[in-house]
Amino acid sequence: MKLKKQRSSNLTSRELEILKLIADEFTNFEIANTLEISQHTVITHRRNLMNKLDARNTAGLVRAALAIGVVY
């Protein structure tokens, strides 16, 4: 998977925050509680991340997080 620079720059600060939590193995429930948002909102952000990063699943999101430097 190759990420284009413009794809990672299209992420909002909230999406980057959620992407980091996903890469840190937080569940949707844990992310919702941590950020004080609903689980439905987390699911929507996850879906948007998958679309923007061309990821098919959580593993793809973690690979993208590593590729763009959200986690090390």
PDB file of N, CA and C in Angstrom:
ATOM      1  N   MET A   1       0.840  -1.174   0.000  1.00  0.00           N
ATOM      2  CA  MET A   1       0.000   0.000   0.000  1.00  0.00           C
ATOM      3  C   MET A   1       0.885   1.236   0.000  1.00  0.00           C
ATOM      4  N   LYS A   2       0.696   2.092  -0.975  1.00  0.00           N
ATOM      5  CA  LYS A   2       1.421   3.350  -1.025  1.00  0.00           C
ATOM      6  C   LYS A   2       0.461   4.468  -0.688  1.00  0.00           C
ATOM      7  N   LEU A   3       0.865   5.318   0.244  1.00  0.00           N
ATOM      8  CA  LEU A   3       0.039   6.460   0.599  1.00  0.00           C
ATOM      9  C   LEU A   3       0.580   7.698  -0.084  1.00  0.00           C
ATOM     10  N   LYS A   4      -0.301   8.414  -0.698  1.00  0.00           N
ATOM     11  CA  LYS A   4       0.091   9.669  -1.304  1.00  0.00           C
ATOM     12  C   LYS A   4       0.103  10.743  -0.233  1.00  0.00           C
ATOM     13  N   LYS A   5       1.019  11.667  -0.347  1.00  0.00           N
ATOM     14  CA  LYS A   5       1.159  12.748   0.629  1.00  0.00           C
ATOM     15  C   LYS A   5      -0.158  13.502   0.812  1.00  0.00           C
ATOM     16  N   GLN A   6      -0.863  13.789  -0.287  1.00  0.00           N
ATOM     17  CA  GLN A   6      -2.083  14.557  -0.163  1.00  0.00           C
ATOM     18  C   GLN A   6      -3.172  13.782   0.588  1.00  0.00           C
ATOM     19  N   ARG A   7      -3.142  12.488   0.542  1.00  0.00           N
ATOM     20  CA  ARG A   7      -4.143  11.710   1.279  1.00  0.00           C
ATOM     21  C   ARG A   7      -3.994  11.915   2.780  1.00  0.00           C
ATOM     22  N   SER A   8      -2.780  11.831   3.290  1.00  0.00           N
ATOM     23  CA  SER A   8      -2.578  11.996   4.725  1.00  0.00           C
ATOM     24  C   SER A   8      -2.815  13.432   5.160  1.00  0.00           C
ATOM     25  N   SER A   9      -2.572  14.388   4.275  1.00  0.00           N
ATOM     26  CA  SER A   9      -2.789  15.784   4.647  1.00  0.00           C
ATOM     27  C   SER A   9      -4.267  16.151   4.628  1.00  0.00           C
ATOM     28  N   ASN A  10      -5.104  15.307   4.056  1.00  0.00           N
ATOM     29  CA  ASN A  10      -6.548  15.553   4.029  1.00  0.00           C
ATOM     30  C   ASN A  10      -7.235  15.138   5.316  1.00  0.00           C
ATOM     31  N   LEU A  11      -6.505  14.552   6.244  1.00  0.00           N
ATOM     32  CA  LEU A  11      -7.110  14.090   7.492  1.00  0.00           C
ATOM     33  C   LEU A  11      -7.291  15.260   8.454  1.00  0.00           C
ATOM     34  N   THR A  12      -8.430  15.250   9.135  1.00  0.00           N
ATOM     35  CA  THR A  12      -8.671  16.275  10.149  1.00  0.00           C
ATOM     36  C   THR A  12      -7.906  15.928  11.420  1.00  0.00           C
ATOM     37  N   SER A  13      -7.796  16.893  12.308  1.00  0.00           N
ATOM     38  CA  SER A  13      -7.099  16.627  13.570  1.00  0.00           C
ATOM     39  C   SER A  13      -7.828  15.549  14.364  1.00  0.00           C
ATOM     40  N   ARG A  14      -9.147  15.520  14.310  1.00  0.00           N
ATOM     41  CA  ARG A  14      -9.923  14.490  15.015  1.00  0.00           C
ATOM     42  C   ARG A  14      -9.672  13.122  14.399  1.00  0.00           C
ATOM     43  N   GLU A  15      -9.608  13.055  13.062  1.00  0.00           N
ATOM     44  CA  GLU A  15      -9.331  11.780  12.402  1.00  0.00           C
ATOM     45  C   GLU A  15      -7.939  11.273  12.769  1.00  0.00           C
ATOM     46  N   LEU A  16      -6.964  12.158  12.833  1.00  0.00           N
ATOM     47  CA  LEU A  16      -5.623  11.749  13.242  1.00  0.00           C
ATOM     48  C   LEU A  16      -5.622  11.235  14.675  1.00  0.00           C
ATOM     49  N   GLU A  17      -6.376  11.888  15.529  1.00  0.00           N
ATOM     50  CA  GLU A  17      -6.486  11.468  16.927  1.00  0.00           C
ATOM     51  C   GLU A  17      -7.106  10.067  17.013  1.00  0.00           C
ATOM     52  N   ILE A  18      -8.159   9.848  16.263  1.00  0.00           N
ATOM     53  CA  ILE A  18      -8.822   8.543  16.270  1.00  0.00           C
ATOM     54  C   ILE A  18      -7.935   7.485  15.633  1.00  0.00           C
ATOM     55  N   LEU A  19      -7.234   7.832  14.567  1.00  0.00           N
ATOM     56  CA  LEU A  19      -6.319   6.889  13.925  1.00  0.00           C
ATOM     57  C   LEU A  19      -5.242   6.427  14.901  1.00  0.00           C
ATOM     58  N   LYS A  20      -4.710   7.345  15.689  1.00  0.00           N
ATOM     59  CA  LYS A  20      -3.703   6.975  16.680  1.00  0.00           C
ATOM     60  C   LYS A  20      -4.296   6.017  17.714  1.00  0.00           C
ATOM     61  N   LEU A  21      -5.499   6.293  18.175  1.00  0.00           N
ATOM     62  CA  LEU A  21      -6.133   5.417  19.164  1.00  0.00           C
ATOM     63  C   LEU A  21      -6.423   4.038  18.571  1.00  0.00           C
ATOM     64  N   ILE A  22      -6.825   3.981  17.315  1.00  0.00           N
ATOM     65  CA  ILE A  22      -7.049   2.691  16.648  1.00  0.00           C
ATOM     66  C   ILE A  22      -5.735   1.913  16.602  1.00  0.00           C
ATOM     67  N   ALA A  23      -4.648   2.598  16.221  1.00  0.00           N
ATOM     68  CA  ALA A  23      -3.338   1.945  16.151  1.00  0.00           C
ATOM     69  C   ALA A  23      -2.853   1.508  17.525  1.00  0.00           C
ATOM     70  N   ASP A  24      -3.318   2.195  18.572  1.00  0.00           N
ATOM     71  CA  ASP A  24      -2.964   1.830  19.946  1.00  0.00           C
ATOM     72  C   ASP A  24      -3.902   0.779  20.525  1.00  0.00           C
ATOM     73  N   GLU A  25      -4.700   0.142  19.668  1.00  0.00           N
ATOM     74  CA  GLU A  25      -5.574  -0.984  20.008  1.00  0.00           C
ATOM     75  C   GLU A  25      -6.784  -0.617  20.858  1.00  0.00           C
ATOM     76  N   PHE A  26      -7.231   0.626  20.800  1.00  0.00           N
ATOM     77  CA  PHE A  26      -8.458   1.004  21.498  1.00  0.00           C
ATOM     78  C   PHE A  26      -9.661   0.493  20.713  1.00  0.00           C
ATOM     79  N   THR A  27     -10.687   0.038  21.415  1.00  0.00           N
ATOM     80  CA  THR A  27     -11.937  -0.362  20.774  1.00  0.00           C
ATOM     81  C   THR A  27     -12.753   0.889  20.476  1.00  0.00           C
ATOM     82  N   ASN A  28     -13.805   0.733  19.669  1.00  0.00           N
ATOM     83  CA  ASN A  28     -14.690   1.871  19.404  1.00  0.00           C
ATOM     84  C   ASN A  28     -15.266   2.414  20.703  1.00  0.00           C
ATOM     85  N   PHE A  29     -15.643   1.529  21.602  1.00  0.00           N
ATOM     86  CA  PHE A  29     -16.200   1.932  22.897  1.00  0.00           C
ATOM     87  C   PHE A  29     -15.178   2.741  23.696  1.00  0.00           C
ATOM     88  N   GLU A  30     -13.938   2.270  23.731  1.00  0.00           N
ATOM     89  CA  GLU A  30     -12.889   2.969  24.476  1.00  0.00           C
ATOM     90  C   GLU A  30     -12.559   4.327  23.852  1.00  0.00           C
ATOM     91  N   ILE A  31     -12.554   4.377  22.525  1.00  0.00           N
ATOM     92  CA  ILE A  31     -12.300   5.648  21.843  1.00  0.00           C
ATOM     93  C   ILE A  31     -13.415   6.632  22.175  1.00  0.00           C
ATOM     94  N   ALA A  32     -14.650   6.172  22.112  1.00  0.00           N
ATOM     95  CA  ALA A  32     -15.797   7.031  22.416  1.00  0.00           C
ATOM     96  C   ALA A  32     -15.699   7.585  23.838  1.00  0.00           C
ATOM     97  N   ASN A  33     -15.378   6.729  24.781  1.00  0.00           N
ATOM     98  CA  ASN A  33     -15.259   7.175  26.177  1.00  0.00           C
ATOM     99  C   ASN A  33     -14.092   8.135  26.362  1.00  0.00           C
ATOM    100  N   THR A  34     -12.968   7.845  25.746  1.00  0.00           N
ATOM    101  CA  THR A  34     -11.778   8.689  25.870  1.00  0.00           C
ATOM    102  C   THR A  34     -12.028  10.092  25.314  1.00  0.00           C
ATOM    103  N   LEU A  35     -12.692  10.159  24.162  1.00  0.00           N
ATOM    104  CA  LEU A  35     -12.904  11.441  23.487  1.00  0.00           C
ATOM    105  C   LEU A  35     -14.251  12.080  23.845  1.00  0.00           C
ATOM    106  N   GLU A  36     -15.027  11.372  24.663  1.00  0.00           N
ATOM    107  CA  GLU A  36     -16.357  11.847  25.073  1.00  0.00           C
ATOM    108  C   GLU A  36     -17.251  12.151  23.881  1.00  0.00           C
ATOM    109  N   ILE A  37     -17.300  11.156  22.961  1.00  0.00           N
ATOM    110  CA  ILE A  37     -18.181  11.218  21.800  1.00  0.00           C
ATOM    111  C   ILE A  37     -18.941   9.902  21.732  1.00  0.00           C
ATOM    112  N   SER A  38     -19.935   9.811  20.874  1.00  0.00           N
ATOM    113  CA  SER A  38     -20.708   8.576  20.773  1.00  0.00           C
ATOM    114  C   SER A  38     -19.950   7.532  19.953  1.00  0.00           C
ATOM    115  N   GLN A  39     -20.314   6.286  20.170  1.00  0.00           N
ATOM    116  CA  GLN A  39     -19.703   5.205  19.390  1.00  0.00           C
ATOM    117  C   GLN A  39     -20.055   5.363  17.913  1.00  0.00           C
ATOM    118  N   HIS A  40     -21.253   5.863  17.637  1.00  0.00           N
ATOM    119  CA  HIS A  40     -21.669   6.072  16.255  1.00  0.00           C
ATOM    120  C   HIS A  40     -20.734   7.070  15.571  1.00  0.00           C
ATOM    121  N   THR A  41     -20.330   8.113  16.281  1.00  0.00           N
ATOM    122  CA  THR A  41     -19.400   9.101  15.732  1.00  0.00           C
ATOM    123  C   THR A  41     -18.044   8.461  15.459  1.00  0.00           C
ATOM    124  N   VAL A  42     -17.606   7.598  16.356  1.00  0.00           N
ATOM    125  CA  VAL A  42     -16.329   6.889  16.153  1.00  0.00           C
ATOM    126  C   VAL A  42     -16.419   6.032  14.891  1.00  0.00           C
ATOM    127  N   ILE A  43     -17.514   5.330  14.732  1.00  0.00           N
ATOM    128  CA  ILE A  43     -17.707   4.472  13.554  1.00  0.00           C
ATOM    129  C   ILE A  43     -17.691   5.307  12.283  1.00  0.00           C
ATOM    130  N   THR A  44     -18.315   6.480  12.319  1.00  0.00           N
ATOM    131  CA  THR A  44     -18.318   7.374  11.157  1.00  0.00           C
ATOM    132  C   THR A  44     -16.898   7.848  10.836  1.00  0.00           C
ATOM    133  N   HIS A  45     -16.147   8.241  11.857  1.00  0.00           N
ATOM    134  CA  HIS A  45     -14.757   8.663  11.636  1.00  0.00           C
ATOM    135  C   HIS A  45     -13.927   7.508  11.076  1.00  0.00           C
ATOM    136  N   ARG A  46     -14.127   6.309  11.601  1.00  0.00           N
ATOM    137  CA  ARG A  46     -13.395   5.135  11.129  1.00  0.00           C
ATOM    138  C   ARG A  46     -13.694   4.890   9.641  1.00  0.00           C
ATOM    139  N   ARG A  47     -14.963   4.986   9.281  1.00  0.00           N
ATOM    140  CA  ARG A  47     -15.361   4.781   7.881  1.00  0.00           C
ATOM    141  C   ARG A  47     -14.720   5.850   6.988  1.00  0.00           C
ATOM    142  N   ASN A  48     -14.720   7.104   7.448  1.00  0.00           N
ATOM    143  CA  ASN A  48     -14.096   8.184   6.679  1.00  0.00           C
ATOM    144  C   ASN A  48     -12.592   7.958   6.532  1.00  0.00           C
ATOM    145  N   LEU A  49     -11.945   7.499   7.607  1.00  0.00           N
ATOM    146  CA  LEU A  49     -10.518   7.192   7.545  1.00  0.00           C
ATOM    147  C   LEU A  49     -10.235   6.094   6.524  1.00  0.00           C
ATOM    148  N   MET A  50     -11.056   5.056   6.539  1.00  0.00           N
ATOM    149  CA  MET A  50     -10.854   3.945   5.613  1.00  0.00           C
ATOM    150  C   MET A  50     -10.990   4.430   4.169  1.00  0.00           C
ATOM    151  N   ASN A  51     -11.961   5.299   3.924  1.00  0.00           N
ATOM    152  CA  ASN A  51     -12.136   5.844   2.569  1.00  0.00           C
ATOM    153  C   ASN A  51     -10.972   6.720   2.164  1.00  0.00           C
ATOM    154  N   LYS A  52     -10.558   7.623   3.036  1.00  0.00           N
ATOM    155  CA  LYS A  52      -9.483   8.552   2.707  1.00  0.00           C
ATOM    156  C   LYS A  52      -8.133   7.860   2.543  1.00  0.00           C
ATOM    157  N   LEU A  53      -7.912   6.784   3.294  1.00  0.00           N
ATOM    158  CA  LEU A  53      -6.618   6.096   3.285  1.00  0.00           C
ATOM    159  C   LEU A  53      -6.618   4.829   2.441  1.00  0.00           C
ATOM    160  N   ASP A  54      -7.721   4.565   1.756  1.00  0.00           N
ATOM    161  CA  ASP A  54      -7.868   3.350   0.941  1.00  0.00           C
ATOM    162  C   ASP A  54      -7.574   2.086   1.742  1.00  0.00           C
ATOM    163  N   ALA A  55      -8.049   2.061   2.982  1.00  0.00           N
ATOM    164  CA  ALA A  55      -7.859   0.893   3.851  1.00  0.00           C
ATOM    165  C   ALA A  55      -9.120   0.037   3.801  1.00  0.00           C
ATOM    166  N   ARG A  56      -8.932  -1.274   3.831  1.00  0.00           N
ATOM    167  CA  ARG A  56     -10.079  -2.178   3.791  1.00  0.00           C
ATOM    168  C   ARG A  56     -10.494  -2.660   5.164  1.00  0.00           C
ATOM    169  N   ASN A  57      -9.614  -2.519   6.151  1.00  0.00           N
ATOM    170  CA  ASN A  57      -9.921  -3.013   7.493  1.00  0.00           C
ATOM    171  C   ASN A  57      -9.008  -2.315   8.502  1.00  0.00           C
ATOM    172  N   THR A  58      -9.098  -2.748   9.755  1.00  0.00           N
ATOM    173  CA  THR A  58      -8.306  -2.124  10.814  1.00  0.00           C
ATOM    174  C   THR A  58      -6.805  -2.283  10.569  1.00  0.00           C
ATOM    175  N   ALA A  59      -6.409  -3.433  10.069  1.00  0.00           N
ATOM    176  CA  ALA A  59      -4.986  -3.637   9.777  1.00  0.00           C
ATOM    177  C   ALA A  59      -4.499  -2.607   8.762  1.00  0.00           C
ATOM    178  N   GLY A  60      -5.314  -2.296   7.777  1.00  0.00           N
ATOM    179  CA  GLY A  60      -4.967  -1.279   6.796  1.00  0.00           C
ATOM    180  C   GLY A  60      -4.838   0.097   7.425  1.00  0.00           C
ATOM    181  N   LEU A  61      -5.703   0.386   8.399  1.00  0.00           N
ATOM    182  CA  LEU A  61      -5.610   1.668   9.103  1.00  0.00           C
ATOM    183  C   LEU A  61      -4.321   1.749   9.916  1.00  0.00           C
ATOM    184  N   VAL A  62      -3.935   0.651  10.544  1.00  0.00           N
ATOM    185  CA  VAL A  62      -2.693   0.633  11.328  1.00  0.00           C
ATOM    186  C   VAL A  62      -1.491   0.812  10.401  1.00  0.00           C
ATOM    187  N   ARG A  63      -1.497   0.139   9.264  1.00  0.00           N
ATOM    188  CA  ARG A  63      -0.406   0.316   8.296  1.00  0.00           C
ATOM    189  C   ARG A  63      -0.320   1.761   7.835  1.00  0.00           C
ATOM    190  N   ALA A  64      -1.462   2.373   7.600  1.00  0.00           N
ATOM    191  CA  ALA A  64      -1.496   3.776   7.176  1.00  0.00           C
ATOM    192  C   ALA A  64      -0.960   4.674   8.287  1.00  0.00           C
ATOM    193  N   ALA A  65      -1.341   4.392   9.527  1.00  0.00           N
ATOM    194  CA  ALA A  65      -0.857   5.185  10.677  1.00  0.00           C
ATOM    195  C   ALA A  65       0.662   5.116  10.756  1.00  0.00           C
ATOM    196  N   LEU A  66       1.221   3.963  10.524  1.00  0.00           N
ATOM    197  CA  LEU A  66       2.684   3.810  10.526  1.00  0.00           C
ATOM    198  C   LEU A  66       3.305   4.558   9.356  1.00  0.00           C
ATOM    199  N   ALA A  67       2.686   4.447   8.189  1.00  0.00           N
ATOM    200  CA  ALA A  67       3.241   5.058   6.977  1.00  0.00           C
ATOM    201  C   ALA A  67       3.266   6.586   7.048  1.00  0.00           C
ATOM    202  N   ILE A  68       2.264   7.179   7.690  1.00  0.00           N
ATOM    203  CA  ILE A  68       2.216   8.645   7.744  1.00  0.00           C
ATOM    204  C   ILE A  68       2.801   9.193   9.036  1.00  0.00           C
ATOM    205  N   GLY A  69       3.288   8.298   9.900  1.00  0.00           N
ATOM    206  CA  GLY A  69       4.000   8.736  11.097  1.00  0.00           C
ATOM    207  C   GLY A  69       3.123   9.093  12.281  1.00  0.00           C
ATOM    208  N   VAL A  70       1.893   8.611  12.307  1.00  0.00           N
ATOM    209  CA  VAL A  70       1.006   8.871  13.450  1.00  0.00           C
ATOM    210  C   VAL A  70       1.477   8.057  14.649  1.00  0.00           C
ATOM    211  N   VAL A  71       1.990   6.872  14.384  1.00  0.00           N
ATOM    212  CA  VAL A  71       2.579   6.021  15.422  1.00  0.00           C
ATOM    213  C   VAL A  71       3.918   5.505  14.891  1.00  0.00           C
ATOM    214  N   TYR A  72       4.748   5.025  15.810  1.00  0.00           N
ATOM    215  CA  TYR A  72       6.080   4.545  15.427  1.00  0.00           C
ATOM    216  C   TYR A  72       6.259   3.097  15.789  1.00  0.00           C
TER     217      TYR A  72
END
